[in-house]
Amino acid sequence: MIGRAYCGMALTKRYWRPLRPRANLPIVKEAQADKDDPCGLREGEVAVALPARFDASLYYIGRIRTPWKHRQDCPKNPRESDAVCFVELDPRWSEGLKGLETASHVVVLYWMDQARRDLVLQAPRHYGELRGTFALRSPVRPNPIAVSVARLLRIEGNTLVVVGLDCVDGTPLLDIKPYFASTDSEPDACVGWHDHKE
């Protein structure tokens, strides 16, 4: 089945798979970007060449069902919405949920498959300033892995009903972990540049 290319990904009817990285992708400045490209660069952003090949493989263990059909509809972060979402685990992994029903919150890792992967400097629309990719929570990164701490409402078979996600409907699921406040919470944590904007 042949899918259409979207932001460096091949989209098929049932699943997405990454295209082979372009070994000779040049550094691209905003002035060189296609203004009609939905994945185009904003002023000052910088893209770099991706490695010639991948270092590892992973399994999509399910899909996430959310109310948002398009990227622009998604909340900027998981805390912005009280929408109920459904984390659908592939039935082969369903026994791995044993005991998770006792958790109040879960850590959900997912693959932002519609994001480009080659930016090192970004200018997020809601910040308006250039920052390095690794100083941001943007989905645009070499490995577009997102993480959210979601409130677990209940488990129905192989589906987790949760509140606290921010991705488009159909996003691939990578992993689920229980959230341990005793080890996962850092009350004194801060990000200086973001605190100063507040």
N, C-alpha and C. Protein backbone atom coordinates (compact mmCIF):
# COMPACT_ATOMS: atom_id res chain seq x y z
N MET A 1 0.84 -1.18 0.00
CA MET A 1 0.00 0.00 0.00
C MET A 1 0.89 1.24 0.00
N ILE A 2 0.61 2.16 -0.88
CA ILE A 2 1.44 3.35 -1.01
C ILE A 2 0.77 4.49 -0.27
N GLY A 3 1.50 5.14 0.61
CA GLY A 3 0.97 6.26 1.36
C GLY A 3 1.49 7.56 0.79
N ARG A 4 0.92 8.67 1.28
CA ARG A 4 1.40 9.96 0.82
C ARG A 4 2.41 10.49 1.81
N ALA A 5 3.42 11.18 1.33
CA ALA A 5 4.44 11.73 2.22
C ALA A 5 3.88 12.90 2.99
N TYR A 6 4.18 12.98 4.26
CA TYR A 6 3.73 14.09 5.10
C TYR A 6 4.81 14.42 6.10
N CYS A 7 5.43 15.56 5.91
CA CYS A 7 6.45 16.03 6.84
C CYS A 7 7.52 14.98 7.10
N GLY A 8 7.96 14.28 6.07
CA GLY A 8 9.01 13.30 6.25
C GLY A 8 8.51 11.94 6.66
N MET A 9 7.18 11.72 6.65
CA MET A 9 6.62 10.43 7.01
C MET A 9 5.76 9.93 5.86
N ALA A 10 5.62 8.62 5.74
CA ALA A 10 4.73 8.05 4.74
C ALA A 10 3.45 7.63 5.43
N LEU A 11 2.32 8.19 5.00
CA LEU A 11 1.04 7.93 5.63
C LEU A 11 0.28 6.89 4.84
N THR A 12 -0.09 5.80 5.48
CA THR A 12 -0.91 4.78 4.84
C THR A 12 -2.26 4.75 5.53
N LYS A 13 -3.13 3.89 5.07
CA LYS A 13 -4.47 3.84 5.62
C LYS A 13 -4.47 3.41 7.07
N ARG A 14 -3.63 2.48 7.49
CA ARG A 14 -3.70 1.92 8.83
C ARG A 14 -2.55 2.32 9.74
N TYR A 15 -1.44 2.72 9.19
CA TYR A 15 -0.30 3.02 10.06
C TYR A 15 0.64 3.97 9.36
N TRP A 16 1.56 4.53 10.14
CA TRP A 16 2.58 5.41 9.60
C TRP A 16 3.93 4.74 9.78
N ARG A 17 4.81 4.96 8.84
CA ARG A 17 6.17 4.45 9.00
C ARG A 17 7.13 5.54 8.57
N PRO A 18 8.27 5.68 9.24
CA PRO A 18 9.23 6.72 8.88
C PRO A 18 9.91 6.40 7.56
N LEU A 19 10.10 7.43 6.75
CA LEU A 19 10.87 7.26 5.53
C LEU A 19 12.34 7.22 5.88
N ARG A 20 13.16 6.66 4.98
CA ARG A 20 14.60 6.65 5.19
C ARG A 20 15.11 8.10 5.26
N PRO A 21 15.90 8.42 6.27
CA PRO A 21 16.41 9.79 6.38
C PRO A 21 17.22 10.16 5.16
N ARG A 22 17.17 11.44 4.82
CA ARG A 22 17.93 11.94 3.67
C ARG A 22 19.33 12.29 4.12
N ALA A 23 20.31 11.54 3.63
CA ALA A 23 21.69 11.70 4.11
C ALA A 23 22.28 13.05 3.72
N ASN A 24 21.84 13.61 2.58
CA ASN A 24 22.46 14.82 2.08
C ASN A 24 21.58 16.04 2.23
N LEU A 25 20.67 16.03 3.19
CA LEU A 25 19.81 17.17 3.41
C LEU A 25 20.65 18.34 3.88
N PRO A 26 20.65 19.46 3.15
CA PRO A 26 21.47 20.60 3.56
C PRO A 26 20.83 21.38 4.69
N ILE A 27 21.65 22.22 5.34
CA ILE A 27 21.09 23.15 6.30
C ILE A 27 20.24 24.15 5.53
N VAL A 28 19.02 24.40 6.01
CA VAL A 28 18.08 25.25 5.29
C VAL A 28 17.71 26.43 6.17
N LYS A 29 17.84 27.62 5.63
CA LYS A 29 17.41 28.82 6.34
C LYS A 29 15.97 29.14 5.94
N GLU A 30 15.33 30.01 6.71
CA GLU A 30 13.92 30.33 6.46
C GLU A 30 13.71 30.88 5.07
N ALA A 31 14.66 31.69 4.60
CA ALA A 31 14.48 32.30 3.29
C ALA A 31 14.44 31.28 2.17
N GLN A 32 15.00 30.08 2.39
CA GLN A 32 15.00 29.06 1.37
C GLN A 32 13.79 28.15 1.45
N ALA A 33 13.01 28.27 2.52
CA ALA A 33 11.90 27.36 2.73
C ALA A 33 10.74 27.68 1.82
N ASP A 34 9.96 26.68 1.48
CA ASP A 34 8.75 26.84 0.69
C ASP A 34 7.67 27.43 1.57
N LYS A 35 7.17 28.61 1.22
CA LYS A 35 6.19 29.30 2.05
C LYS A 35 4.87 28.55 2.12
N ASP A 36 4.59 27.68 1.16
CA ASP A 36 3.34 26.93 1.14
C ASP A 36 3.48 25.57 1.82
N ASP A 37 4.66 25.26 2.31
CA ASP A 37 4.91 23.97 2.95
C ASP A 37 4.40 24.02 4.38
N PRO A 38 3.43 23.15 4.77
CA PRO A 38 2.94 23.18 6.15
C PRO A 38 4.01 22.83 7.16
N CYS A 39 5.10 22.23 6.70
CA CYS A 39 6.21 21.90 7.59
C CYS A 39 7.36 22.87 7.39
N GLY A 40 7.10 24.01 6.75
CA GLY A 40 8.14 24.96 6.45
C GLY A 40 8.72 25.61 7.69
N LEU A 41 9.81 26.36 7.52
CA LEU A 41 10.51 26.97 8.63
C LEU A 41 9.99 28.37 8.93
N ARG A 42 10.02 28.74 10.19
CA ARG A 42 9.75 30.11 10.58
C ARG A 42 11.06 30.89 10.58
N GLU A 43 10.96 32.19 10.66
CA GLU A 43 12.14 33.04 10.59
C GLU A 43 13.15 32.66 11.67
N GLY A 44 14.38 32.44 11.26
CA GLY A 44 15.46 32.13 12.18
C GLY A 44 15.64 30.65 12.47
N GLU A 45 14.67 29.81 12.13
CA GLU A 45 14.79 28.39 12.42
C GLU A 45 15.84 27.75 11.52
N VAL A 46 16.48 26.71 12.04
CA VAL A 46 17.55 26.04 11.32
C VAL A 46 17.31 24.54 11.30
N ALA A 47 17.41 23.96 10.09
CA ALA A 47 17.31 22.52 9.93
C ALA A 47 18.68 21.96 9.57
N VAL A 48 18.94 20.73 9.97
CA VAL A 48 20.23 20.10 9.68
C VAL A 48 20.01 18.76 8.98
N ALA A 49 21.09 18.21 8.46
CA ALA A 49 21.01 16.91 7.80
C ALA A 49 20.75 15.82 8.83
N LEU A 50 19.85 14.92 8.50
CA LEU A 50 19.58 13.77 9.37
C LEU A 50 20.63 12.69 9.14
N PRO A 51 20.88 11.82 10.11
CA PRO A 51 21.81 10.71 9.90
C PRO A 51 21.36 9.84 8.72
N ALA A 52 22.31 9.15 8.12
CA ALA A 52 22.02 8.36 6.93
C ALA A 52 21.16 7.14 7.23
N ARG A 53 21.19 6.65 8.47
CA ARG A 53 20.39 5.47 8.80
C ARG A 53 19.99 5.51 10.27
N PHE A 54 18.97 4.72 10.59
CA PHE A 54 18.48 4.64 11.96
C PHE A 54 19.38 3.72 12.78
N ASP A 55 19.39 3.95 14.10
CA ASP A 55 20.19 3.14 15.01
C ASP A 55 19.39 2.05 15.70
N ALA A 56 18.06 2.16 15.70
CA ALA A 56 17.25 1.19 16.44
C ALA A 56 15.86 1.11 15.83
N SER A 57 15.12 0.11 16.25
CA SER A 57 13.74 -0.06 15.85
C SER A 57 12.87 -0.05 17.10
N LEU A 58 11.59 0.21 16.93
CA LEU A 58 10.66 0.17 18.05
C LEU A 58 9.32 -0.37 17.58
N TYR A 59 8.47 -0.72 18.55
CA TYR A 59 7.13 -1.21 18.25
C TYR A 59 6.10 -0.17 18.65
N TYR A 60 5.15 0.08 17.78
CA TYR A 60 3.95 0.81 18.19
C TYR A 60 3.07 -0.21 18.92
N ILE A 61 2.73 0.09 20.17
CA ILE A 61 1.97 -0.89 20.95
C ILE A 61 0.48 -0.56 20.99
N GLY A 62 0.08 0.45 20.25
CA GLY A 62 -1.32 0.80 20.18
C GLY A 62 -1.50 2.16 19.54
N ARG A 63 -2.70 2.73 19.72
CA ARG A 63 -3.05 4.04 19.18
C ARG A 63 -3.76 4.85 20.23
N ILE A 64 -3.67 6.16 20.11
CA ILE A 64 -4.34 7.06 21.04
C ILE A 64 -5.49 7.74 20.31
N ARG A 65 -6.67 7.67 20.89
CA ARG A 65 -7.85 8.30 20.32
C ARG A 65 -8.16 9.58 21.09
N THR A 66 -8.17 10.70 20.38
CA THR A 66 -8.44 12.00 20.99
C THR A 66 -9.47 12.76 20.15
N PRO A 67 -9.99 13.87 20.66
CA PRO A 67 -10.96 14.65 19.89
C PRO A 67 -10.34 15.47 18.76
N TRP A 68 -9.01 15.53 18.70
CA TRP A 68 -8.36 16.48 17.79
C TRP A 68 -7.89 15.78 16.51
N LYS A 69 -8.43 16.24 15.40
CA LYS A 69 -8.14 15.63 14.10
C LYS A 69 -6.95 16.28 13.39
N HIS A 70 -6.61 17.50 13.80
CA HIS A 70 -5.53 18.24 13.14
C HIS A 70 -4.58 18.80 14.19
N ARG A 71 -3.32 18.94 13.82
CA ARG A 71 -2.30 19.41 14.76
C ARG A 71 -2.66 20.75 15.36
N GLN A 72 -3.20 21.66 14.52
CA GLN A 72 -3.50 23.00 15.01
C GLN A 72 -4.64 23.02 16.03
N ASP A 73 -5.38 21.93 16.12
CA ASP A 73 -6.48 21.85 17.09
C ASP A 73 -6.02 21.37 18.47
N CYS A 74 -4.84 20.79 18.54
CA CYS A 74 -4.37 20.19 19.80
C CYS A 74 -4.02 21.27 20.83
N PRO A 75 -4.22 20.98 22.10
CA PRO A 75 -3.75 21.93 23.13
C PRO A 75 -2.24 22.02 23.11
N LYS A 76 -1.70 23.15 23.59
CA LYS A 76 -0.25 23.35 23.58
C LYS A 76 0.45 22.40 24.54
N ASN A 77 -0.26 21.98 25.58
CA ASN A 77 0.30 21.00 26.50
C ASN A 77 -0.84 20.21 27.13
N PRO A 78 -0.55 19.08 27.74
CA PRO A 78 -1.61 18.21 28.24
C PRO A 78 -2.48 18.82 29.34
N ARG A 79 -1.95 19.81 30.06
CA ARG A 79 -2.71 20.41 31.17
C ARG A 79 -3.78 21.39 30.69
N GLU A 80 -3.77 21.72 29.39
CA GLU A 80 -4.70 22.71 28.88
C GLU A 80 -6.09 22.17 28.59
N SER A 81 -6.25 20.86 28.65
CA SER A 81 -7.53 20.29 28.26
C SER A 81 -8.01 19.24 29.27
N ASP A 82 -9.32 19.21 29.46
CA ASP A 82 -9.94 18.18 30.29
C ASP A 82 -10.61 17.12 29.43
N ALA A 83 -10.25 17.08 28.15
CA ALA A 83 -10.88 16.12 27.24
C ALA A 83 -10.56 14.69 27.64
N VAL A 84 -11.55 13.83 27.57
CA VAL A 84 -11.35 12.41 27.84
C VAL A 84 -10.78 11.76 26.58
N CYS A 85 -9.69 11.03 26.74
CA CYS A 85 -9.01 10.37 25.62
C CYS A 85 -8.92 8.86 25.91
N PHE A 86 -8.66 8.11 24.85
CA PHE A 86 -8.64 6.66 24.97
C PHE A 86 -7.31 6.12 24.44
N VAL A 87 -6.59 5.46 25.30
CA VAL A 87 -5.31 4.85 24.94
C VAL A 87 -5.59 3.39 24.62
N GLU A 88 -5.60 3.06 23.34
CA GLU A 88 -5.97 1.71 22.90
C GLU A 88 -4.71 0.87 22.71
N LEU A 89 -4.55 -0.11 23.58
CA LEU A 89 -3.39 -0.99 23.54
C LEU A 89 -3.68 -2.17 22.61
N ASP A 90 -2.69 -2.54 21.81
CA ASP A 90 -2.81 -3.74 20.99
C ASP A 90 -3.13 -4.91 21.92
N PRO A 91 -4.15 -5.71 21.59
CA PRO A 91 -4.57 -6.80 22.49
C PRO A 91 -3.45 -7.75 22.90
N ARG A 92 -2.41 -7.89 22.07
CA ARG A 92 -1.34 -8.82 22.44
C ARG A 92 -0.62 -8.38 23.71
N TRP A 93 -0.70 -7.08 24.05
CA TRP A 93 -0.02 -6.57 25.23
C TRP A 93 -0.96 -6.39 26.42
N SER A 94 -2.20 -6.81 26.30
CA SER A 94 -3.21 -6.49 27.31
C SER A 94 -2.88 -7.05 28.70
N GLU A 95 -2.22 -8.20 28.77
CA GLU A 95 -1.86 -8.75 30.09
C GLU A 95 -0.86 -7.86 30.82
N GLY A 96 -0.17 -7.04 30.07
CA GLY A 96 0.77 -6.11 30.69
C GLY A 96 0.11 -5.02 31.50
N LEU A 97 -1.23 -4.93 31.43
CA LEU A 97 -1.96 -3.92 32.20
C LEU A 97 -2.30 -4.39 33.62
N LYS A 98 -2.03 -5.64 33.91
CA LYS A 98 -2.39 -6.19 35.22
C LYS A 98 -1.76 -5.36 36.35
N GLY A 99 -2.58 -4.86 37.24
CA GLY A 99 -2.12 -4.06 38.37
C GLY A 99 -2.17 -2.57 38.11
N LEU A 100 -2.21 -2.16 36.84
CA LEU A 100 -2.18 -0.73 36.53
C LEU A 100 -3.48 -0.05 36.95
N GLU A 101 -4.55 -0.81 37.08
CA GLU A 101 -5.84 -0.22 37.45
C GLU A 101 -5.80 0.43 38.83
N THR A 102 -4.78 0.11 39.62
CA THR A 102 -4.66 0.71 40.96
C THR A 102 -3.99 2.08 40.92
N ALA A 103 -3.45 2.47 39.78
CA ALA A 103 -2.75 3.75 39.66
C ALA A 103 -3.73 4.89 39.42
N SER A 104 -3.44 6.03 39.99
CA SER A 104 -4.28 7.21 39.75
C SER A 104 -3.84 7.96 38.50
N HIS A 105 -2.54 7.87 38.19
CA HIS A 105 -1.98 8.56 37.02
C HIS A 105 -1.02 7.62 36.29
N VAL A 106 -0.90 7.85 34.99
CA VAL A 106 0.02 7.04 34.18
C VAL A 106 0.88 7.96 33.31
N VAL A 107 2.08 7.49 33.04
CA VAL A 107 2.98 8.17 32.10
C VAL A 107 2.76 7.54 30.74
N VAL A 108 2.38 8.36 29.78
CA VAL A 108 2.10 7.87 28.42
C VAL A 108 3.16 8.43 27.49
N LEU A 109 3.85 7.54 26.78
CA LEU A 109 4.84 7.95 25.78
C LEU A 109 4.28 7.65 24.40
N TYR A 110 4.39 8.61 23.50
CA TYR A 110 3.81 8.43 22.18
C TYR A 110 4.67 9.10 21.11
N TRP A 111 4.44 8.69 19.88
CA TRP A 111 5.28 9.08 18.74
C TRP A 111 4.55 10.14 17.93
N MET A 112 5.07 11.37 17.94
CA MET A 112 4.43 12.46 17.21
C MET A 112 4.79 12.35 15.72
N ASP A 113 4.08 11.47 15.06
CA ASP A 113 4.47 11.04 13.72
C ASP A 113 4.28 12.10 12.63
N GLN A 114 3.60 13.19 12.93
CA GLN A 114 3.42 14.22 11.92
C GLN A 114 4.45 15.35 12.05
N ALA A 115 5.37 15.22 12.98
CA ALA A 115 6.36 16.27 13.22
C ALA A 115 7.61 16.07 12.36
N ARG A 116 8.20 17.17 11.89
CA ARG A 116 9.48 17.06 11.22
C ARG A 116 10.56 16.76 12.25
N ARG A 117 11.73 16.32 11.79
CA ARG A 117 12.73 15.77 12.71
C ARG A 117 14.10 16.41 12.57
N ASP A 118 14.22 17.48 11.82
CA ASP A 118 15.55 17.99 11.48
C ASP A 118 15.87 19.38 12.03
N LEU A 119 15.05 19.94 12.90
CA LEU A 119 15.31 21.29 13.40
C LEU A 119 16.19 21.26 14.64
N VAL A 120 17.15 22.18 14.70
CA VAL A 120 17.96 22.36 15.91
C VAL A 120 17.64 23.68 16.59
N LEU A 121 17.16 24.67 15.84
CA LEU A 121 16.68 25.93 16.39
C LEU A 121 15.23 26.10 15.97
N GLN A 122 14.37 26.44 16.93
CA GLN A 122 12.95 26.58 16.66
C GLN A 122 12.41 27.88 17.23
N ALA A 123 11.35 28.37 16.58
CA ALA A 123 10.64 29.56 17.06
C ALA A 123 9.18 29.21 17.23
N PRO A 124 8.83 28.56 18.34
CA PRO A 124 7.43 28.19 18.55
C PRO A 124 6.51 29.40 18.47
N ARG A 125 5.36 29.22 17.85
CA ARG A 125 4.44 30.31 17.60
C ARG A 125 4.02 31.01 18.90
N HIS A 126 3.82 30.24 19.98
CA HIS A 126 3.31 30.83 21.21
C HIS A 126 4.41 31.44 22.08
N TYR A 127 5.70 31.25 21.70
CA TYR A 127 6.78 31.89 22.43
C TYR A 127 7.39 33.04 21.63
N GLY A 128 7.55 32.86 20.33
CA GLY A 128 8.05 33.93 19.48
C GLY A 128 9.53 34.20 19.62
N GLU A 129 10.28 33.30 20.26
CA GLU A 129 11.72 33.46 20.39
C GLU A 129 12.42 32.18 19.98
N LEU A 130 13.62 32.33 19.43
CA LEU A 130 14.39 31.15 19.04
C LEU A 130 14.93 30.43 20.27
N ARG A 131 14.75 29.11 20.27
CA ARG A 131 15.31 28.26 21.33
C ARG A 131 15.84 26.99 20.69
N GLY A 132 16.80 26.37 21.35
CA GLY A 132 17.29 25.09 20.87
C GLY A 132 16.23 24.00 21.06
N THR A 133 16.23 23.04 20.18
CA THR A 133 15.24 21.96 20.24
C THR A 133 15.21 21.30 21.62
N PHE A 134 16.37 21.10 22.22
CA PHE A 134 16.42 20.38 23.49
C PHE A 134 16.09 21.26 24.69
N ALA A 135 15.81 22.54 24.44
CA ALA A 135 15.33 23.44 25.49
C ALA A 135 13.82 23.61 25.42
N LEU A 136 13.17 22.88 24.51
CA LEU A 136 11.74 23.00 24.28
C LEU A 136 11.04 21.66 24.45
N ARG A 137 9.71 21.71 24.64
CA ARG A 137 8.90 20.51 24.67
C ARG A 137 8.18 20.31 23.34
N SER A 138 8.62 21.00 22.32
CA SER A 138 8.04 20.89 20.99
C SER A 138 8.10 19.45 20.47
N PRO A 139 7.10 19.01 19.69
CA PRO A 139 7.17 17.67 19.09
C PRO A 139 8.22 17.56 17.99
N VAL A 140 8.70 18.70 17.50
CA VAL A 140 9.70 18.71 16.45
C VAL A 140 11.07 18.45 17.06
N ARG A 141 11.59 17.24 16.83
CA ARG A 141 12.87 16.84 17.41
C ARG A 141 13.37 15.60 16.67
N PRO A 142 14.65 15.24 16.81
CA PRO A 142 15.18 14.10 16.04
C PRO A 142 14.36 12.83 16.22
N ASN A 143 13.97 12.54 17.45
CA ASN A 143 13.07 11.42 17.74
C ASN A 143 11.82 12.02 18.38
N PRO A 144 10.72 12.16 17.64
CA PRO A 144 9.56 12.90 18.13
C PRO A 144 8.75 12.13 19.17
N ILE A 145 9.39 11.87 20.32
CA ILE A 145 8.75 11.16 21.42
C ILE A 145 8.14 12.19 22.37
N ALA A 146 6.86 12.04 22.64
CA ALA A 146 6.18 12.92 23.59
C ALA A 146 5.86 12.13 24.85
N VAL A 147 5.76 12.85 25.96
CA VAL A 147 5.44 12.21 27.24
C VAL A 147 4.42 13.06 27.97
N SER A 148 3.42 12.41 28.51
CA SER A 148 2.40 13.11 29.30
C SER A 148 2.10 12.30 30.55
N VAL A 149 1.81 13.00 31.62
CA VAL A 149 1.29 12.37 32.83
C VAL A 149 -0.23 12.56 32.78
N ALA A 150 -0.95 11.47 32.61
CA ALA A 150 -2.39 11.52 32.43
C ALA A 150 -3.10 10.93 33.64
N ARG A 151 -4.27 11.48 33.93
CA ARG A 151 -5.09 10.94 35.02
C ARG A 151 -5.86 9.73 34.50
N LEU A 152 -5.69 8.62 35.17
CA LEU A 152 -6.35 7.39 34.74
C LEU A 152 -7.74 7.32 35.36
N LEU A 153 -8.76 7.35 34.50
CA LEU A 153 -10.13 7.27 34.98
C LEU A 153 -10.56 5.82 35.19
N ARG A 154 -10.22 4.99 34.23
CA ARG A 154 -10.57 3.57 34.33
C ARG A 154 -9.90 2.82 33.19
N ILE A 155 -9.92 1.50 33.29
CA ILE A 155 -9.43 0.63 32.22
C ILE A 155 -10.59 -0.23 31.76
N GLU A 156 -10.82 -0.23 30.46
CA GLU A 156 -11.88 -1.03 29.86
C GLU A 156 -11.24 -2.03 28.89
N GLY A 157 -11.05 -3.25 29.35
CA GLY A 157 -10.37 -4.24 28.50
C GLY A 157 -8.95 -3.83 28.25
N ASN A 158 -8.62 -3.56 26.99
CA ASN A 158 -7.27 -3.14 26.64
C ASN A 158 -7.19 -1.63 26.36
N THR A 159 -8.18 -0.88 26.85
CA THR A 159 -8.23 0.56 26.63
C THR A 159 -8.17 1.32 27.95
N LEU A 160 -7.25 2.28 28.02
CA LEU A 160 -7.16 3.17 29.17
C LEU A 160 -7.95 4.43 28.87
N VAL A 161 -8.84 4.80 29.76
CA VAL A 161 -9.60 6.04 29.63
C VAL A 161 -8.90 7.08 30.51
N VAL A 162 -8.40 8.15 29.89
CA VAL A 162 -7.55 9.09 30.61
C VAL A 162 -7.92 10.53 30.29
N VAL A 163 -7.42 11.42 31.13
CA VAL A 163 -7.47 12.87 30.89
C VAL A 163 -6.05 13.39 31.00
N GLY A 164 -5.63 14.22 30.02
CA GLY A 164 -4.29 14.81 30.10
C GLY A 164 -3.39 14.48 28.94
N LEU A 165 -3.93 14.45 27.71
CA LEU A 165 -3.11 14.23 26.52
C LEU A 165 -3.26 15.43 25.58
N ASP A 166 -2.36 15.51 24.60
CA ASP A 166 -2.33 16.69 23.74
C ASP A 166 -2.05 16.36 22.27
N CYS A 167 -2.33 15.14 21.84
CA CYS A 167 -1.93 14.71 20.50
C CYS A 167 -3.12 14.51 19.57
N VAL A 168 -2.85 14.41 18.28
CA VAL A 168 -3.90 14.19 17.30
C VAL A 168 -4.45 12.77 17.39
N ASP A 169 -5.67 12.61 16.97
CA ASP A 169 -6.32 11.31 16.97
C ASP A 169 -5.52 10.33 16.11
N GLY A 170 -5.29 9.14 16.63
CA GLY A 170 -4.56 8.12 15.89
C GLY A 170 -3.07 8.10 16.14
N THR A 171 -2.58 8.93 17.04
CA THR A 171 -1.14 8.98 17.33
C THR A 171 -0.64 7.62 17.84
N PRO A 172 0.50 7.14 17.33
CA PRO A 172 1.04 5.86 17.78
C PRO A 172 1.48 5.88 19.25
N LEU A 173 1.17 4.80 19.94
CA LEU A 173 1.52 4.65 21.35
C LEU A 173 2.83 3.88 21.47
N LEU A 174 3.74 4.38 22.32
CA LEU A 174 5.04 3.73 22.52
C LEU A 174 5.13 2.97 23.83
N ASP A 175 4.59 3.55 24.91
CA ASP A 175 4.73 2.88 26.21
C ASP A 175 3.76 3.50 27.21
N ILE A 176 3.49 2.73 28.26
CA ILE A 176 2.66 3.17 29.38
C ILE A 176 3.39 2.77 30.66
N LYS A 177 3.47 3.70 31.61
CA LYS A 177 4.12 3.41 32.89
C LYS A 177 3.27 4.01 34.00
N PRO A 178 3.29 3.41 35.19
CA PRO A 178 2.62 4.06 36.31
C PRO A 178 3.41 5.28 36.74
N TYR A 179 2.70 6.32 37.15
CA TYR A 179 3.35 7.52 37.65
C TYR A 179 3.54 7.38 39.16
N PHE A 180 4.79 7.49 39.60
CA PHE A 180 5.12 7.43 41.02
C PHE A 180 5.48 8.84 41.50
N ALA A 181 4.61 9.45 42.28
CA ALA A 181 4.89 10.80 42.77
C ALA A 181 6.16 10.82 43.61
N SER A 182 6.45 9.73 44.29
CA SER A 182 7.62 9.68 45.17
C SER A 182 8.93 9.78 44.42
N THR A 183 8.96 9.35 43.17
CA THR A 183 10.20 9.38 42.40
C THR A 183 10.11 10.26 41.16
N ASP A 184 8.92 10.47 40.62
CA ASP A 184 8.77 11.22 39.36
C ASP A 184 8.58 12.71 39.58
N SER A 185 8.18 13.12 40.78
CA SER A 185 7.90 14.54 41.03
C SER A 185 9.15 15.24 41.54
N GLU A 186 9.42 16.42 40.97
CA GLU A 186 10.54 17.26 41.42
C GLU A 186 9.98 18.66 41.69
N PRO A 187 9.48 18.92 42.88
CA PRO A 187 8.82 20.20 43.17
C PRO A 187 9.68 21.42 42.93
N ASP A 188 10.99 21.29 43.05
CA ASP A 188 11.88 22.44 42.90
C ASP A 188 12.37 22.64 41.46
N ALA A 189 11.92 21.80 40.55
CA ALA A 189 12.39 21.90 39.16
C ALA A 189 11.94 23.21 38.52
N CYS A 190 12.77 23.75 37.65
CA CYS A 190 12.40 24.96 36.93
C CYS A 190 13.12 25.01 35.59
N VAL A 191 12.59 25.80 34.67
CA VAL A 191 13.23 26.11 33.39
C VAL A 191 13.33 27.63 33.36
N GLY A 192 14.54 28.14 33.56
CA GLY A 192 14.74 29.56 33.77
C GLY A 192 14.14 30.47 32.72
N TRP A 193 14.37 30.17 31.45
CA TRP A 193 13.87 31.07 30.41
C TRP A 193 12.34 31.12 30.40
N HIS A 194 11.69 30.00 30.74
CA HIS A 194 10.23 29.96 30.76
C HIS A 194 9.70 30.68 32.00
N ASP A 195 10.37 30.51 33.13
CA ASP A 195 9.95 31.20 34.35
C ASP A 195 10.00 32.72 34.16
N HIS A 196 11.00 33.20 33.44
CA HIS A 196 11.15 34.63 33.23
C HIS A 196 10.04 35.19 32.35
N LYS A 197 9.50 34.34 31.47
CA LYS A 197 8.40 34.81 30.62
C LYS A 197 7.12 34.94 31.42
N GLU A 198 6.98 34.13 32.47
CA GLU A 198 5.79 34.20 33.30
C GLU A 198 5.74 35.56 33.99
